[in-house]
C-alpha atoms as a PDB file:
ATOM      1  CA  MET A   1       8.871  15.268 -18.027  1.00  0.00           C
ATOM      2  CA  ALA A   2       5.809  16.524 -16.143  1.00  0.00           C
ATOM      3  CA  THR A   3       5.928  20.145 -14.927  1.00  0.00           C
ATOM      4  CA  ASP A   4       4.766  20.426 -11.399  1.00  0.00           C
ATOM      5  CA  TRP A   5       1.414  21.837 -12.410  1.00  0.00           C
ATOM      6  CA  GLN A   6       0.735  18.928 -14.858  1.00  0.00           C
ATOM      7  CA  LEU A   7       1.382  16.226 -11.737  1.00  0.00           C
ATOM      8  CA  PRO A   8      -1.316  13.840 -11.345  1.00  0.00           C
ATOM      9  CA  PRO A   9      -3.741  14.515  -7.965  1.00  0.00           C
ATOM     10  CA  GLY A  10      -1.539  13.282  -4.780  1.00  0.00           C
ATOM     11  CA  VAL A  11       1.670  13.111  -6.511  1.00  0.00           C
ATOM     12  CA  SER A  12       4.715  14.699  -5.187  1.00  0.00           C
ATOM     13  CA  ARG A  13       7.730  15.614  -7.680  1.00  0.00           C
ATOM     14  CA  ALA A  14       9.872  13.256  -5.857  1.00  0.00           C
ATOM     15  CA  LEU A  15       7.293  10.419  -6.066  1.00  0.00           C
ATOM     16  CA  TRP A  16       6.908  11.035  -9.880  1.00  0.00           C
ATOM     17  CA  ASP A  17      10.677  11.271 -10.668  1.00  0.00           C
ATOM     18  CA  HIS A  18      11.019   7.887  -8.916  1.00  0.00           C
ATOM     19  CA  LEU A  19       8.337   6.122 -10.399  1.00  0.00           C
ATOM     20  CA  HIS A  20       9.780   7.201 -13.899  1.00  0.00           C
ATOM     21  CA  ASP A  21      13.226   6.662 -13.156  1.00  0.00           C
ATOM     22  CA  PRO A  22      13.710   2.795 -14.907  1.00  0.00           C
ATOM     23  CA  ALA A  23      17.029   2.102 -12.713  1.00  0.00           C
ATOM     24  CA  SER A  24      14.493   2.167  -9.897  1.00  0.00           C
ATOM     25  CA  ALA A  25      12.081  -0.391 -11.297  1.00  0.00           C
ATOM     26  CA  ARG A  26      15.281  -2.915 -12.254  1.00  0.00           C
ATOM     27  CA  LEU A  27      16.920  -2.523  -9.202  1.00  0.00           C
ATOM     28  CA  TYR A  28      13.425  -2.403  -6.882  1.00  0.00           C
ATOM     29  CA  ASP A  29      13.447  -6.168  -6.118  1.00  0.00           C
ATOM     30  CA  ARG A  30      16.909  -6.272  -5.219  1.00  0.00           C
ATOM     31  CA  GLN A  31      17.301  -3.551  -2.969  1.00  0.00           C
ATOM     32  CA  LEU A  32      13.709  -4.733  -1.021  1.00  0.00           C
ATOM     33  CA  ALA A  33      14.966  -8.386  -0.428  1.00  0.00           C
ATOM     34  CA  ASP A  34      15.780  -8.459   2.679  1.00  0.00           C
ATOM     35  CA  THR A  35      12.659  -6.912   4.088  1.00  0.00           C
ATOM     36  CA  PRO A  36      10.801  -8.743   6.706  1.00  0.00           C
ATOM     37  CA  LEU A  37       7.650  -7.229   5.540  1.00  0.00           C
ATOM     38  CA  LEU A  38       7.949  -8.326   1.979  1.00  0.00           C
ATOM     39  CA  ALA A  39       7.087 -11.743   3.085  1.00  0.00           C
ATOM     40  CA  LEU A  40       4.457 -11.452   6.274  1.00  0.00           C
ATOM     41  CA  ASP A  41       2.285  -9.045   3.876  1.00  0.00           C
ATOM     42  CA  ILE A  42       1.548 -11.680   1.266  1.00  0.00           C
ATOM     43  CA  GLN A  43       0.793 -14.381   3.930  1.00  0.00           C
ATOM     44  CA  TYR A  44      -1.636 -11.737   5.399  1.00  0.00           C
ATOM     45  CA  VAL A  45      -3.487 -11.403   2.060  1.00  0.00           C
ATOM     46  CA  ARG A  46      -3.753 -14.919   1.406  1.00  0.00           C
ATOM     47  CA  HIS A  47      -4.791 -15.067   5.198  1.00  0.00           C
ATOM     48  CA  TRP A  48      -7.899 -12.449   4.528  1.00  0.00           C
ATOM     49  CA  CYS A  49      -8.832 -12.704   0.891  1.00  0.00           C
ATOM     50  CA  ARG A  50     -10.507 -16.072   0.987  1.00  0.00           C
ATOM     51  CA  PRO A  51     -11.298 -17.903  -1.269  1.00  0.00           C
ATOM     52  CA  PRO A  52      -9.344 -16.683  -4.418  1.00  0.00           C
ATOM     53  CA  GLY A  53     -10.794 -14.721  -6.977  1.00  0.00           C
ATOM     54  CA  SER A  54     -10.621 -11.106  -8.344  1.00  0.00           C
ATOM     55  CA  ILE A  55      -8.320  -9.220  -6.824  1.00  0.00           C
ATOM     56  CA  ILE A  56      -6.602  -5.572  -7.562  1.00  0.00           C
ATOM     57  CA  ASP A  57      -3.038  -5.183  -6.508  1.00  0.00           C
ATOM     58  CA  LEU A  58      -3.388  -1.181  -5.635  1.00  0.00           C
ATOM     59  CA  GLY A  59       0.166   0.108  -6.185  1.00  0.00           C
ATOM     60  CA  CYS A  60       1.744  -3.048  -7.495  1.00  0.00           C
ATOM     61  CA  GLY A  61       5.254  -2.070  -7.915  1.00  0.00           C
ATOM     62  CA  THR A  62       6.939  -4.751  -9.506  1.00  0.00           C
ATOM     63  CA  GLY A  63       4.137  -7.579  -8.905  1.00  0.00           C
ATOM     64  CA  ARG A  64       5.388  -9.583  -6.021  1.00  0.00           C
ATOM     65  CA  LEU A  65       2.066  -9.926  -4.857  1.00  0.00           C
ATOM     66  CA  ALA A  66       0.163 -10.243  -8.095  1.00  0.00           C
ATOM     67  CA  ILE A  67       2.583 -12.684  -8.955  1.00  0.00           C
ATOM     68  CA  VAL A  68       2.441 -14.969  -5.958  1.00  0.00           C
ATOM     69  CA  LEU A  69      -1.602 -14.995  -6.191  1.00  0.00           C
ATOM     70  CA  ALA A  70      -1.516 -15.564 -10.042  1.00  0.00           C
ATOM     71  CA  GLY A  71      -0.010 -18.927  -9.343  1.00  0.00           C
ATOM     72  CA  LYS A  72      -2.166 -19.937  -6.307  1.00  0.00           C
ATOM     73  CA  GLY A  73      -5.542 -19.623  -8.536  1.00  0.00           C
ATOM     74  CA  TYR A  74      -6.256 -15.607  -7.663  1.00  0.00           C
ATOM     75  CA  ARG A  75      -7.054 -13.232 -10.911  1.00  0.00           C
ATOM     76  CA  PRO A  76      -5.016 -10.387 -10.109  1.00  0.00           C
ATOM     77  CA  VAL A  77      -5.041  -6.868 -11.989  1.00  0.00           C
ATOM     78  CA  ALA A  78      -2.041  -5.086 -11.462  1.00  0.00           C
ATOM     79  CA  VAL A  79      -2.652  -1.087 -11.234  1.00  0.00           C
ATOM     80  CA  ASP A  80       0.687   1.231 -10.906  1.00  0.00           C
ATOM     81  CA  LEU A  81       1.784   4.926 -12.308  1.00  0.00           C
ATOM     82  CA  SER A  82       4.923   3.588 -12.905  1.00  0.00           C
ATOM     83  CA  PRO A  83       5.072   2.571 -16.634  1.00  0.00           C
ATOM     84  CA  GLU A  84       8.996   1.260 -15.328  1.00  0.00           C
ATOM     85  CA  MET A  85       7.348  -1.262 -12.419  1.00  0.00           C
ATOM     86  CA  LEU A  86       4.561  -2.260 -14.978  1.00  0.00           C
ATOM     87  CA  ARG A  87       7.265  -3.158 -17.317  1.00  0.00           C
ATOM     88  CA  VAL A  88       9.161  -5.289 -14.921  1.00  0.00           C
ATOM     89  CA  LEU A  89       6.244  -6.807 -14.085  1.00  0.00           C
ATOM     90  CA  GLY A  90       5.227  -7.969 -17.305  1.00  0.00           C
ATOM     91  CA  ASP A  91       8.522  -9.444 -18.076  1.00  0.00           C
ATOM     92  CA  LYS A  92       8.669 -11.911 -14.958  1.00  0.00           C
ATOM     93  CA  ALA A  93       5.147 -12.714 -15.300  1.00  0.00           C
ATOM     94  CA  ALA A  94       5.879 -13.909 -18.853  1.00  0.00           C
ATOM     95  CA  SER A  95       8.786 -15.856 -18.003  1.00  0.00           C
ATOM     96  CA  LEU A  96       6.657 -17.508 -15.477  1.00  0.00           C
ATOM     97  CA  GLY A  97       4.003 -18.065 -18.279  1.00  0.00           C
ATOM     98  CA  LEU A  98       1.642 -15.967 -16.503  1.00  0.00           C
ATOM     99  CA  ASP A  99      -0.881 -13.540 -17.632  1.00  0.00           C
ATOM    100  CA  ILE A 100      -1.348 -10.522 -15.377  1.00  0.00           C
ATOM    101  CA  PRO A 101      -3.584  -7.723 -16.894  1.00  0.00           C
ATOM    102  CA  ARG A 102      -1.308  -4.357 -15.931  1.00  0.00           C
ATOM    103  CA  VAL A 103      -3.142  -0.743 -15.882  1.00  0.00           C
ATOM    104  CA  GLN A 104      -1.176   2.242 -15.556  1.00  0.00           C
ATOM    105  CA  ALA A 105      -3.089   4.583 -13.274  1.00  0.00           C
ATOM    106  CA  ASN A 106      -2.985   7.296 -10.605  1.00  0.00           C
ATOM    107  CA  LEU A 107      -4.758   5.496  -7.672  1.00  0.00           C
ATOM    108  CA  VAL A 108      -6.071   8.676  -6.937  1.00  0.00           C
ATOM    109  CA  GLU A 109      -7.999   8.378 -10.462  1.00  0.00           C
ATOM    110  CA  LEU A 110      -9.661   4.953 -11.092  1.00  0.00           C
ATOM    111  CA  ASP A 111     -13.191   6.400 -12.358  1.00  0.00           C
ATOM    112  CA  ALA A 112     -12.700   3.882 -15.615  1.00  0.00           C
ATOM    113  CA  ILE A 113     -12.738   1.053 -13.433  1.00  0.00           C
ATOM    114  CA  ALA A 114     -16.645  -0.406 -13.104  1.00  0.00           C
ATOM    115  CA  ASP A 115     -17.931  -0.553  -9.468  1.00  0.00           C
ATOM    116  CA  GLN A 116     -17.838  -4.099  -7.681  1.00  0.00           C
ATOM    117  CA  SER A 117     -15.461  -5.531 -10.019  1.00  0.00           C
ATOM    118  CA  PHE A 118     -13.396  -7.216  -7.747  1.00  0.00           C
ATOM    119  CA  ASP A 119     -13.778  -9.994  -4.779  1.00  0.00           C
ATOM    120  CA  HIS A 120     -10.493  -8.437  -3.024  1.00  0.00           C
ATOM    121  CA  ALA A 121      -8.103  -5.495  -2.777  1.00  0.00           C
ATOM    122  CA  ALA A 122      -4.731  -4.753  -1.718  1.00  0.00           C
ATOM    123  CA  CYS A 123      -2.130  -1.750  -1.286  1.00  0.00           C
ATOM    124  CA  LEU A 124       0.715  -3.031   0.546  1.00  0.00           C
ATOM    125  CA  PHE A 125       3.954  -1.357   1.746  1.00  0.00           C
ATOM    126  CA  SER A 126       2.831   1.794   2.696  1.00  0.00           C
ATOM    127  CA  THR A 127       1.643   2.885  -0.699  1.00  0.00           C
ATOM    128  CA  LEU A 128      -1.121   4.702   0.457  1.00  0.00           C
ATOM    129  CA  GLY A 129       1.046   7.101   3.015  1.00  0.00           C
ATOM    130  CA  LEU A 130       2.857   7.789  -0.544  1.00  0.00           C
ATOM    131  CA  ILE A 131      -0.413   9.864  -1.757  1.00  0.00           C
ATOM    132  CA  GLU A 132      -0.047  13.746  -0.622  1.00  0.00           C
ATOM    133  CA  GLY A 133      -2.780  14.844   0.652  1.00  0.00           C
ATOM    134  CA  SER A 134      -5.834  13.617   3.407  1.00  0.00           C
ATOM    135  CA  ALA A 135      -8.183  14.498   0.310  1.00  0.00           C
ATOM    136  CA  HIS A 136      -6.551  12.707  -1.817  1.00  0.00           C
ATOM    137  CA  ARG A 137      -6.198   9.484   0.336  1.00  0.00           C
ATOM    138  CA  ARG A 138      -9.701   9.826   1.161  1.00  0.00           C
ATOM    139  CA  ARG A 139     -10.727   9.491  -2.922  1.00  0.00           C
ATOM    140  CA  PHE A 140      -8.641   6.747  -2.930  1.00  0.00           C
ATOM    141  CA  LEU A 141     -10.237   4.843  -0.091  1.00  0.00           C
ATOM    142  CA  GLN A 142     -13.545   5.539  -1.794  1.00  0.00           C
ATOM    143  CA  HIS A 143     -12.640   4.355  -5.026  1.00  0.00           C
ATOM    144  CA  VAL A 144     -11.527   0.770  -3.266  1.00  0.00           C
ATOM    145  CA  TYR A 145     -14.748   0.660  -1.370  1.00  0.00           C
ATOM    146  CA  ARG A 146     -16.708   1.497  -4.940  1.00  0.00           C
ATOM    147  CA  LEU A 147     -14.682  -1.437  -6.580  1.00  0.00           C
ATOM    148  CA  LEU A 148     -15.079  -4.434  -4.128  1.00  0.00           C
ATOM    149  CA  ARG A 149     -18.166  -6.217  -4.154  1.00  0.00           C
ATOM    150  CA  PRO A 150     -20.434  -6.592  -1.027  1.00  0.00           C
ATOM    151  CA  GLY A 151     -18.377  -8.754   1.436  1.00  0.00           C
ATOM    152  CA  GLY A 152     -14.931  -8.058   0.047  1.00  0.00           C
ATOM    153  CA  VAL A 153     -11.516  -7.800   1.650  1.00  0.00           C
ATOM    154  CA  PHE A 154      -9.303  -4.745   1.839  1.00  0.00           C
ATOM    155  CA  VAL A 155      -6.093  -5.857   2.986  1.00  0.00           C
ATOM    156  CA  LEU A 156      -3.511  -2.494   3.250  1.00  0.00           C
ATOM    157  CA  HIS A 157      -0.102  -1.438   5.350  1.00  0.00           C
ATOM    158  CA  VAL A 158       0.846   1.442   6.594  1.00  0.00           C
ATOM    159  CA  HIS A 159       3.852   2.824   8.921  1.00  0.00           C
ATOM    160  CA  ASN A 160       2.858   3.815  12.076  1.00  0.00           C
ATOM    161  CA  ARG A 161       3.472   7.622  13.290  1.00  0.00           C
ATOM    162  CA  TRP A 162       4.515   6.895  16.886  1.00  0.00           C
ATOM    163  CA  PHE A 163       7.740   4.299  16.303  1.00  0.00           C
ATOM    164  CA  HIS A 164       9.431   7.346  15.613  1.00  0.00           C
ATOM    165  CA  LEU A 165       9.790   8.421  19.084  1.00  0.00           C
ATOM    166  CA  TRP A 166      12.121   5.806  19.764  1.00  0.00           C
ATOM    167  CA  THR A 167      15.085   7.381  18.390  1.00  0.00           C
ATOM    168  CA  ARG A 168      16.934  10.597  18.242  1.00  0.00           C
ATOM    169  CA  ALA A 169      16.304  10.956  14.140  1.00  0.00           C
ATOM    170  CA  GLY A 170      12.448  10.090  14.370  1.00  0.00           C
ATOM    171  CA  ARG A 171      11.962  12.960  17.695  1.00  0.00           C
ATOM    172  CA  ARG A 172      13.283  15.407  15.287  1.00  0.00           C
ATOM    173  CA  LEU A 173      10.991  14.215  12.540  1.00  0.00           C
ATOM    174  CA  LEU A 174       7.968  14.324  14.380  1.00  0.00           C
ATOM    175  CA  CYS A 175       8.666  17.995  16.213  1.00  0.00           C
ATOM    176  CA  ARG A 176       9.661  18.864  12.475  1.00  0.00           C
ATOM    177  CA  ASN A 177       5.509  17.901  11.899  1.00  0.00           C
ATOM    178  CA  LEU A 178       3.451  17.870  15.353  1.00  0.00           C
ATOM    179  CA  PHE A 179       0.188  18.163  13.660  1.00  0.00           C
ATOM    180  CA  GLY A 180       0.048  15.147  11.537  1.00  0.00           C
ATOM    181  CA  GLY A 181       0.865  16.325   7.967  1.00  0.00           C
ATOM    182  CA  ASP A 182       2.867  14.603   5.131  1.00  0.00           C
ATOM    183  CA  PHE A 183       6.632  14.179   6.569  1.00  0.00           C
ATOM    184  CA  VAL A 184       9.666  14.080   4.057  1.00  0.00           C
ATOM    185  CA  MET A 185      11.488  10.820   4.358  1.00  0.00           C
ATOM    186  CA  PRO A 186      14.873  10.408   4.181  1.00  0.00           C
ATOM    187  CA  ALA A 187      16.152   8.754   1.305  1.00  0.00           C
ATOM    188  CA  HIS A 188      16.277   5.278   1.906  1.00  0.00           C
ATOM    189  CA  GLN A 189      17.005   1.865  -0.039  1.00  0.00           C
ATOM    190  CA  GLY A 190      18.055   3.552  -2.770  1.00  0.00           C
ATOM    191  CA  THR A 191      15.134   6.184  -3.238  1.00  0.00           C
ATOM    192  CA  GLY A 192      15.402   9.670  -2.669  1.00  0.00           C
ATOM    193  CA  PRO A 193      13.750  11.712  -0.120  1.00  0.00           C
ATOM    194  CA  LEU A 194       9.836  10.755  -0.218  1.00  0.00           C
ATOM    195  CA  ASN A 195       6.821  12.430   0.584  1.00  0.00           C
ATOM    196  CA  MET A 196       5.074   9.898   3.528  1.00  0.00           C
ATOM    197  CA  HIS A 197       1.851  10.275   5.590  1.00  0.00           C
ATOM    198  CA  LEU A 198       2.614   8.216   8.761  1.00  0.00           C
ATOM    199  CA  PHE A 199      -0.477   6.933  10.563  1.00  0.00           C
ATOM    200  CA  THR A 200      -1.517   6.485  13.655  1.00  0.00           C
ATOM    201  CA  ARG A 201      -3.479   2.982  14.491  1.00  0.00           C
ATOM    202  CA  GLY A 202      -6.637   5.223  15.306  1.00  0.00           C
ATOM    203  CA  GLU A 203      -6.603   7.160  12.118  1.00  0.00           C
ATOM    204  CA  ILE A 204      -6.554   4.633   9.694  1.00  0.00           C
ATOM    205  CA  VAL A 205      -9.357   2.668  11.457  1.00  0.00           C
ATOM    206  CA  ARG A 206     -11.577   6.061  11.414  1.00  0.00           C
ATOM    207  CA  GLU A 207     -10.263   6.414   7.806  1.00  0.00           C
ATOM    208  CA  LEU A 208     -11.565   3.139   6.943  1.00  0.00           C
ATOM    209  CA  ARG A 209     -15.092   3.172   9.421  1.00  0.00           C
ATOM    210  CA  THR A 210     -15.574   6.735   7.653  1.00  0.00           C
ATOM    211  CA  ILE A 211     -15.421   4.829   4.305  1.00  0.00           C
ATOM    212  CA  GLY A 212     -18.195   2.673   5.294  1.00  0.00           C
ATOM    213  CA  PHE A 213     -15.665  -0.254   5.881  1.00  0.00           C
ATOM    214  CA  HIS A 214     -15.879  -2.781   8.763  1.00  0.00           C
ATOM    215  CA  VAL A 215     -12.175  -3.126  10.200  1.00  0.00           C
ATOM    216  CA  ARG A 216     -11.685  -6.543  10.917  1.00  0.00           C
ATOM    217  CA  GLU A 217      -8.114  -6.601  12.337  1.00  0.00           C
ATOM    218  CA  VAL A 218      -5.021  -4.212  13.128  1.00  0.00           C
ATOM    219  CA  ARG A 219      -2.198  -6.449  12.991  1.00  0.00           C
ATOM    220  CA  PRO A 220       1.213  -4.483  14.312  1.00  0.00           C
ATOM    221  CA  VAL A 221       4.610  -5.343  12.654  1.00  0.00           C
ATOM    222  CA  SER A 222       7.855  -5.237  13.490  1.00  0.00           C
ATOM    223  CA  VAL A 223      11.254  -4.933  11.878  1.00  0.00           C
ATOM    224  CA  ARG A 224      12.066  -8.578  13.279  1.00  0.00           C
ATOM    225  CA  PRO A 225      12.697 -11.335  10.614  1.00  0.00           C
ATOM    226  CA  ASP A 226       8.970 -12.412  11.826  1.00  0.00           C
ATOM    227  CA  GLY A 227       7.389  -9.155  11.691  1.00  0.00           C
ATOM    228  CA  LYS A 228       6.240  -9.971  15.759  1.00  0.00           C
ATOM    229  CA  VAL A 229       5.997  -7.077  18.183  1.00  0.00           C
ATOM    230  CA  PRO A 230       7.175  -8.606  21.531  1.00  0.00           C
ATOM    231  CA  TRP A 231       4.423  -8.359  24.019  1.00  0.00           C
ATOM    232  CA  SER A 232       2.133  -6.900  21.319  1.00  0.00           C
ATOM    233  CA  PHE A 233      -0.357  -5.975  24.251  1.00  0.00           C
ATOM    234  CA  LEU A 234       1.637  -3.662  25.727  1.00  0.00           C
ATOM    235  CA  PHE A 235       1.409  -0.246  24.138  1.00  0.00           C
ATOM    236  CA  SER A 236       1.533  -1.570  20.454  1.00  0.00           C
ATOM    237  CA  GLY A 237      -0.093   1.375  18.983  1.00  0.00           C
ATOM    238  CA  TRP A 238       3.232   3.338  20.238  1.00  0.00           C
ATOM    239  CA  ARG A 239       5.984   0.086  19.477  1.00  0.00           C
ATOM    240  CA  ALA A 240       4.668  -0.956  16.018  1.00  0.00           C
ATOM    241  CA  TYR A 241       6.999  -0.166  13.325  1.00  0.00           C
ATOM    242  CA  GLY A 242       3.805  -0.453  10.690  1.00  0.00           C
ATOM    243  CA  PHE A 243       0.195  -1.998  10.758  1.00  0.00           C
ATOM    244  CA  LEU A 244      -1.249  -4.519   8.380  1.00  0.00           C
ATOM    245  CA  VAL A 245      -5.305  -3.813   8.176  1.00  0.00           C
ATOM    246  CA  ALA A 246      -7.890  -6.248   7.076  1.00  0.00           C
ATOM    247  CA  ALA A 247     -11.367  -4.455   6.368  1.00  0.00           C
ATOM    248  CA  VAL A 248     -14.447  -5.578   4.860  1.00  0.00           C
ATOM    249  CA  LYS A 249     -17.270  -3.732   2.548  1.00  0.00           C
ATOM    250  CA  TRP A 250     -20.410  -4.480   4.856  1.00  0.00           C
ATOM    251  CA  LYS A 251     -22.617  -6.866   2.553  1.00  0.00           C
ATOM    252  CA  GLU A 252     -25.694  -5.003   1.130  1.00  0.00           C
ATOM    253  CA  LEU A 253     -29.261  -5.780   2.527  1.00  0.00           C
ATOM    254  CA  GLY A 254     -32.141  -7.281   0.687  1.00  0.00           C
END
């Protein structure tokens, strides 16, 4: 059990405890089974990350993306800070006859992985928002850019800050944090309160462009079963529950 001063960069105490709880890992798939985003984001990855190749799944959890992609001709490497999540992933992969390399690592500290090792990268289910502190989030994005080969695609999901305008509890949440810092999100789906950074559409686009990515698409997503935002051309930056983003590492010239 790490004391607070020993926590890895960008990892809050609540997140550390959650990631090292065996019960959370065992129940994770069951608790999130009815979440529409879990099917939508995998489709999104398969649409943008073509042709199949090597892909690093950053914040892989119990392997829902890595396992699907391994069965579709991709070569995933699964990265997570949670040994419990990686253990569940390994058991699931073995039961299907799949060999998926697993790496236990903090997403802010990926220096040991070589430059330009992957054709694609993914960071789903608002994992980026769980990294505490803007400098640490930017460091993670710099790692992703470094790990991709020129022309490589990065797919990520973030929650939308302004979606919380539409509920009383959400407005209270926004009022407690007027300047865009990290929020303390209430307990949800079997997890305790976690620190979470909520992005605006413009913010995540600027962050990716600052790193050097070319943003190909920002797709607003809702909590509907089909994930669509009705009349998405009308204020989707305010109405979307979150965004799926596809970004490309510029190909080097010469």
